[in-house]
N, C-alpha and C. Protein backbone atom coordinates (compact mmCIF):
# COMPACT_ATOMS: atom_id res chain seq x y z
N MET A 1 9.77 -14.72 -11.28
CA MET A 1 11.00 -15.42 -11.45
C MET A 1 10.96 -16.69 -10.95
N THR A 2 11.61 -17.81 -11.53
CA THR A 2 11.65 -19.17 -11.30
C THR A 2 13.00 -19.66 -11.08
N GLN A 3 13.10 -20.38 -9.95
CA GLN A 3 14.37 -20.94 -9.56
C GLN A 3 14.31 -22.40 -9.72
N THR A 4 15.34 -23.05 -10.38
CA THR A 4 15.50 -24.44 -10.75
C THR A 4 16.26 -25.28 -9.93
N PHE A 5 16.02 -26.14 -9.23
CA PHE A 5 16.86 -27.21 -8.44
C PHE A 5 17.10 -28.42 -9.06
N ILE A 6 18.30 -28.88 -8.96
CA ILE A 6 18.66 -30.33 -9.46
C ILE A 6 19.09 -31.22 -8.44
N GLN A 7 18.26 -32.29 -8.57
CA GLN A 7 18.58 -33.26 -7.32
C GLN A 7 19.23 -34.44 -8.17
N MET A 8 20.43 -34.87 -7.80
CA MET A 8 21.12 -35.92 -8.69
C MET A 8 20.94 -37.14 -7.58
N SER A 9 20.68 -38.30 -8.20
CA SER A 9 20.53 -39.53 -7.50
C SER A 9 21.95 -40.17 -7.26
N GLY A 10 22.35 -40.78 -6.26
CA GLY A 10 23.46 -41.27 -6.08
C GLY A 10 23.99 -42.51 -6.73
N GLN A 11 23.15 -43.21 -7.26
CA GLN A 11 23.03 -44.58 -7.86
C GLN A 11 23.04 -44.39 -9.30
N GLY A 12 23.74 -45.14 -10.23
CA GLY A 12 23.60 -44.97 -11.49
C GLY A 12 22.83 -46.08 -11.93
N ASP A 13 22.51 -46.46 -13.20
CA ASP A 13 21.87 -47.55 -13.71
C ASP A 13 22.89 -48.46 -14.29
N GLU A 14 22.72 -49.83 -14.77
CA GLU A 14 23.81 -50.48 -15.31
C GLU A 14 24.75 -50.06 -16.36
N ASP A 15 24.26 -48.83 -17.04
CA ASP A 15 25.32 -48.25 -17.94
C ASP A 15 25.98 -47.15 -17.22
N GLY A 16 25.90 -47.01 -15.84
CA GLY A 16 26.62 -45.92 -15.25
C GLY A 16 25.92 -44.52 -15.31
N ASP A 17 24.78 -44.45 -16.30
CA ASP A 17 23.98 -42.89 -16.09
C ASP A 17 23.58 -42.73 -14.92
N VAL A 18 23.65 -41.35 -14.52
CA VAL A 18 23.11 -40.81 -13.33
C VAL A 18 21.68 -40.15 -13.62
N SER A 19 20.54 -40.37 -13.00
CA SER A 19 19.48 -39.82 -13.21
C SER A 19 19.40 -38.40 -12.41
N ALA A 20 18.57 -37.29 -12.84
CA ALA A 20 18.58 -35.95 -12.34
C ALA A 20 17.05 -35.77 -12.18
N ILE A 21 16.43 -35.22 -11.19
CA ILE A 21 15.49 -34.74 -10.79
C ILE A 21 15.33 -33.31 -10.73
N VAL A 22 14.38 -32.72 -11.80
CA VAL A 22 14.52 -31.17 -11.82
C VAL A 22 13.14 -30.69 -11.19
N LYS A 23 13.22 -29.79 -10.23
CA LYS A 23 12.04 -29.24 -9.55
C LYS A 23 12.35 -27.63 -9.76
N THR A 24 11.21 -27.04 -10.46
CA THR A 24 10.99 -25.61 -10.45
C THR A 24 10.14 -25.00 -9.72
N ARG A 25 10.51 -24.04 -9.04
CA ARG A 25 9.57 -23.15 -7.87
C ARG A 25 9.57 -21.73 -8.29
N SER A 26 8.33 -21.57 -8.17
CA SER A 26 8.07 -19.87 -8.80
C SER A 26 8.17 -19.16 -7.54
N LYS A 27 8.85 -17.91 -7.57
CA LYS A 27 9.33 -17.16 -6.79
C LYS A 27 7.99 -15.90 -6.78
N THR A 28 7.20 -15.95 -5.91
CA THR A 28 6.07 -14.78 -5.93
C THR A 28 6.62 -13.42 -5.93
N LYS A 29 6.03 -12.34 -6.81
CA LYS A 29 6.43 -11.21 -6.72
C LYS A 29 5.49 -10.18 -5.80
N ARG A 30 6.03 -9.31 -5.33
CA ARG A 30 5.21 -8.56 -4.07
C ARG A 30 4.51 -7.71 -5.09
N PRO A 31 3.32 -7.37 -4.67
CA PRO A 31 2.44 -6.54 -5.42
C PRO A 31 2.81 -5.03 -5.52
N PRO A 32 2.60 -4.13 -6.39
CA PRO A 32 2.93 -2.86 -6.56
C PRO A 32 2.12 -2.09 -5.32
N LEU A 33 2.79 -1.12 -4.75
CA LEU A 33 2.39 -0.36 -3.84
C LEU A 33 1.73 1.08 -4.10
N TYR A 34 0.87 1.55 -3.55
CA TYR A 34 0.37 2.81 -3.88
C TYR A 34 0.39 3.87 -2.94
N LYS A 35 0.70 5.07 -3.09
CA LYS A 35 0.89 6.34 -2.09
C LYS A 35 -0.76 6.83 -1.74
N VAL A 36 -1.16 6.88 -0.64
CA VAL A 36 -2.47 7.68 -0.35
C VAL A 36 -2.28 9.11 0.01
N LEU A 37 -2.76 10.29 -0.95
CA LEU A 37 -2.46 11.46 -0.52
C LEU A 37 -3.80 12.16 -0.17
N LEU A 38 -3.53 13.28 0.79
CA LEU A 38 -4.61 14.16 1.30
C LEU A 38 -4.16 15.47 0.70
N LEU A 39 -4.90 16.08 0.00
CA LEU A 39 -5.00 17.41 -0.76
C LEU A 39 -5.34 18.30 0.28
N ASN A 40 -4.77 19.89 0.46
CA ASN A 40 -5.21 21.07 0.97
C ASN A 40 -6.31 21.59 0.28
N ASP A 41 -7.14 22.08 1.03
CA ASP A 41 -8.21 23.04 0.46
C ASP A 41 -8.46 24.17 1.36
N ASP A 42 -9.15 25.11 1.06
CA ASP A 42 -9.49 26.20 1.97
C ASP A 42 -10.52 26.07 3.10
N PHE A 43 -11.23 25.16 2.76
CA PHE A 43 -12.60 24.99 3.27
C PHE A 43 -12.81 23.96 4.40
N THR A 44 -11.96 22.79 4.37
CA THR A 44 -12.23 21.67 5.19
C THR A 44 -11.36 22.25 6.49
N PRO A 45 -12.32 22.01 7.74
CA PRO A 45 -11.74 22.25 8.75
C PRO A 45 -10.34 21.28 9.21
N MET A 46 -9.37 22.01 10.11
CA MET A 46 -8.33 21.18 10.41
C MET A 46 -8.39 19.72 11.27
N GLU A 47 -9.55 20.21 11.96
CA GLU A 47 -10.13 19.23 13.07
C GLU A 47 -10.66 18.04 12.32
N PHE A 48 -11.37 18.37 11.28
CA PHE A 48 -12.11 17.18 10.54
C PHE A 48 -10.92 16.22 9.79
N VAL A 49 -10.12 17.10 9.43
CA VAL A 49 -8.76 16.21 8.68
C VAL A 49 -8.05 15.48 9.94
N VAL A 50 -7.97 15.84 11.01
CA VAL A 50 -7.41 15.04 12.05
C VAL A 50 -8.33 14.03 12.13
N ALA A 51 -9.63 14.17 12.43
CA ALA A 51 -10.49 13.12 12.62
C ALA A 51 -10.44 11.97 11.37
N VAL A 52 -10.31 12.31 10.38
CA VAL A 52 -10.01 11.32 9.00
C VAL A 52 -8.86 10.41 9.39
N LEU A 53 -7.65 11.17 9.41
CA LEU A 53 -6.60 10.63 9.72
C LEU A 53 -6.52 9.31 10.94
N GLU A 54 -7.00 9.77 11.99
CA GLU A 54 -7.44 8.94 13.06
C GLU A 54 -8.30 7.77 12.84
N ARG A 55 -9.34 8.18 12.14
CA ARG A 55 -10.37 7.08 11.72
C ARG A 55 -10.09 6.15 10.71
N PHE A 56 -9.49 6.60 9.55
CA PHE A 56 -9.20 5.78 8.54
C PHE A 56 -7.62 5.17 8.23
N PHE A 57 -6.80 6.05 9.02
CA PHE A 57 -5.45 5.56 9.00
C PHE A 57 -4.91 5.07 10.16
N GLY A 58 -5.77 4.91 11.39
CA GLY A 58 -5.23 4.45 12.37
C GLY A 58 -4.10 5.22 13.12
N MET A 59 -4.10 6.48 13.12
CA MET A 59 -2.99 7.45 13.62
C MET A 59 -3.53 8.02 15.03
N ASN A 60 -2.62 8.00 16.05
CA ASN A 60 -2.81 8.78 17.29
C ASN A 60 -3.15 10.10 16.86
N HIS A 61 -3.46 10.88 17.89
CA HIS A 61 -4.05 12.27 17.75
C HIS A 61 -2.69 13.17 17.54
N ALA A 62 -1.60 12.82 17.98
CA ALA A 62 -0.31 13.67 17.61
C ALA A 62 0.11 13.43 16.36
N GLN A 63 0.06 12.14 15.84
CA GLN A 63 0.63 11.82 14.39
C GLN A 63 -0.61 12.62 13.40
N ALA A 64 -1.81 12.38 13.57
CA ALA A 64 -2.80 12.90 12.71
C ALA A 64 -2.55 14.55 12.75
N PHE A 65 -2.14 15.00 13.80
CA PHE A 65 -2.10 16.47 13.84
C PHE A 65 -0.81 16.79 13.01
N GLU A 66 0.07 16.34 13.05
CA GLU A 66 1.37 16.58 12.40
C GLU A 66 1.11 16.63 10.67
N ILE A 67 0.60 15.39 10.57
CA ILE A 67 0.30 15.16 8.89
C ILE A 67 -0.79 16.22 8.77
N MET A 68 -1.77 16.55 9.23
CA MET A 68 -2.89 17.78 8.80
C MET A 68 -1.91 19.06 8.90
N LEU A 69 -0.84 19.32 9.45
CA LEU A 69 -0.17 20.70 9.40
C LEU A 69 0.79 20.48 8.17
N THR A 70 1.07 19.21 7.73
CA THR A 70 2.12 19.02 6.48
C THR A 70 1.13 19.28 5.42
N VAL A 71 -0.29 18.77 5.61
CA VAL A 71 -1.23 19.01 4.17
C VAL A 71 -1.38 20.43 4.19
N HIS A 72 -1.52 21.24 5.38
CA HIS A 72 -1.97 22.63 5.32
C HIS A 72 -0.72 23.31 4.77
N LYS A 73 0.43 22.93 5.10
CA LYS A 73 1.67 23.79 4.78
C LYS A 73 1.91 23.67 3.32
N ARG A 74 2.00 22.51 2.93
CA ARG A 74 2.73 22.16 1.73
C ARG A 74 1.64 21.74 0.65
N GLY A 75 0.72 21.55 0.68
CA GLY A 75 -0.60 21.62 -0.04
C GLY A 75 -0.84 19.85 -0.14
N LEU A 76 -0.22 19.11 0.24
CA LEU A 76 -0.62 17.86 0.48
C LEU A 76 0.45 16.74 1.33
N ALA A 77 -0.01 15.67 1.48
CA ALA A 77 1.04 14.89 2.28
C ALA A 77 0.65 13.27 2.06
N VAL A 78 1.58 12.45 2.13
CA VAL A 78 1.43 11.02 1.85
C VAL A 78 0.95 10.56 3.40
N VAL A 79 -0.45 9.87 3.58
CA VAL A 79 -0.80 9.37 4.55
C VAL A 79 -0.91 8.04 4.87
N GLY A 80 -0.52 7.28 3.75
CA GLY A 80 -0.07 5.75 3.71
C GLY A 80 0.23 5.11 2.62
N VAL A 81 0.95 4.06 2.53
CA VAL A 81 1.44 3.39 1.40
C VAL A 81 0.64 1.88 1.42
N PHE A 82 0.05 1.63 0.51
CA PHE A 82 -0.91 0.22 0.51
C PHE A 82 -0.69 -0.54 -0.77
N THR A 83 -1.59 -1.75 -0.70
CA THR A 83 -1.58 -2.51 -1.90
C THR A 83 -2.60 -1.60 -2.84
N HIS A 84 -2.81 -1.77 -4.09
CA HIS A 84 -4.13 -1.18 -4.66
C HIS A 84 -5.38 -1.24 -4.04
N GLU A 85 -5.79 -2.64 -3.86
CA GLU A 85 -7.11 -2.39 -3.37
C GLU A 85 -7.22 -1.80 -2.05
N ILE A 86 -6.44 -1.80 -1.01
CA ILE A 86 -6.48 -1.25 0.22
C ILE A 86 -6.48 0.51 0.20
N ALA A 87 -5.40 0.78 -0.83
CA ALA A 87 -5.35 2.12 -1.29
C ALA A 87 -6.57 2.80 -1.82
N GLU A 88 -7.25 2.03 -2.74
CA GLU A 88 -8.65 2.39 -3.39
C GLU A 88 -9.57 2.47 -2.50
N THR A 89 -9.87 1.45 -1.36
CA THR A 89 -10.56 1.47 -0.20
C THR A 89 -10.57 2.54 0.57
N LYS A 90 -9.46 3.18 0.88
CA LYS A 90 -9.26 4.23 1.88
C LYS A 90 -9.57 5.47 1.07
N VAL A 91 -9.19 5.80 -0.27
CA VAL A 91 -9.55 7.02 -0.82
C VAL A 91 -11.16 7.07 -0.98
N THR A 92 -11.78 5.64 -1.10
CA THR A 92 -13.46 6.02 -1.45
C THR A 92 -13.85 6.13 -0.05
N GLN A 93 -13.52 5.56 1.15
CA GLN A 93 -14.01 5.68 2.36
C GLN A 93 -13.82 7.17 2.87
N VAL A 94 -12.38 7.82 2.71
CA VAL A 94 -12.37 9.28 3.09
C VAL A 94 -13.11 10.32 2.25
N MET A 95 -13.31 10.05 0.91
CA MET A 95 -13.88 10.84 0.11
C MET A 95 -15.73 10.85 0.37
N ASP A 96 -16.03 9.57 0.62
CA ASP A 96 -17.39 9.41 1.10
C ASP A 96 -17.90 10.30 2.42
N PHE A 97 -16.94 9.94 3.35
CA PHE A 97 -16.99 10.58 4.74
C PHE A 97 -16.98 12.04 4.57
N ALA A 98 -16.01 12.59 3.80
CA ALA A 98 -16.01 14.10 3.35
C ALA A 98 -17.20 14.31 2.89
N ARG A 99 -17.84 13.94 1.98
CA ARG A 99 -19.15 14.28 1.31
C ARG A 99 -20.22 14.20 2.16
N ARG A 100 -20.31 13.41 2.86
CA ARG A 100 -21.32 13.04 3.98
C ARG A 100 -21.37 14.40 5.03
N HIS A 101 -20.20 14.78 5.36
CA HIS A 101 -20.01 15.76 6.21
C HIS A 101 -19.86 17.15 5.39
N GLN A 102 -20.19 17.31 4.15
CA GLN A 102 -20.07 18.49 3.21
C GLN A 102 -18.71 19.32 3.23
N HIS A 103 -17.66 18.47 3.17
CA HIS A 103 -16.46 18.95 3.18
C HIS A 103 -15.74 18.69 1.65
N PRO A 104 -15.17 19.58 1.09
CA PRO A 104 -14.54 19.49 -0.11
C PRO A 104 -13.29 18.40 0.01
N LEU A 105 -12.65 18.04 1.14
CA LEU A 105 -11.41 17.35 1.27
C LEU A 105 -11.35 16.61 0.16
N GLN A 106 -9.98 16.42 -0.63
CA GLN A 106 -9.52 15.56 -1.72
C GLN A 106 -8.67 14.42 -1.09
N CYS A 107 -8.66 13.46 -1.66
CA CYS A 107 -7.86 12.06 -1.30
C CYS A 107 -7.98 11.52 -2.55
N THR A 108 -6.59 11.25 -2.80
CA THR A 108 -6.06 10.47 -3.99
C THR A 108 -5.01 9.32 -3.77
N MET A 109 -4.59 8.60 -4.65
CA MET A 109 -3.62 7.67 -4.77
C MET A 109 -2.75 7.78 -6.06
N GLU A 110 -1.39 7.24 -6.01
CA GLU A 110 -0.70 7.22 -7.02
C GLU A 110 0.23 6.31 -6.76
N LYS A 111 0.96 5.64 -7.84
CA LYS A 111 1.83 4.30 -7.92
C LYS A 111 3.09 4.88 -7.03
N GLU A 112 3.68 3.97 -6.36
CA GLU A 112 4.97 4.38 -5.45
C GLU A 112 5.91 4.07 -6.49
C-alpha cells in the first residue's frame, strides 16, 4: 500500500500558478505468520516434550508442562507463532533433536 502526500508551495509564479511536490511513501506489509504445532504420539516421554518446549521455545517448566498436557490430551498444541523462517527453523531443530534421541515426536507448521 502506498500513501501519497502533496506539499503545496505558498508562492505562485508570475502567472499565479502554484506548484506541487508529490511524495509517495511505501507502507511495509507485515510478513505472514506461521503456527508451530507439536503432535502427540504414544512413545515420546512427557519429560522429553517438556525439555523440548523449554529448550526450543523458551518456556519455563510450568508453561512447558501445561503445553505438554495439552498435546497429550488433545493430540496437538500450538507452541508458538513466528515468521516463516523462524517457524521452519524451530520445526527442523525439534525434529532433529527428537531423532537424535530416538523419539518419534512430530513438529509441524501451518499458516495462521
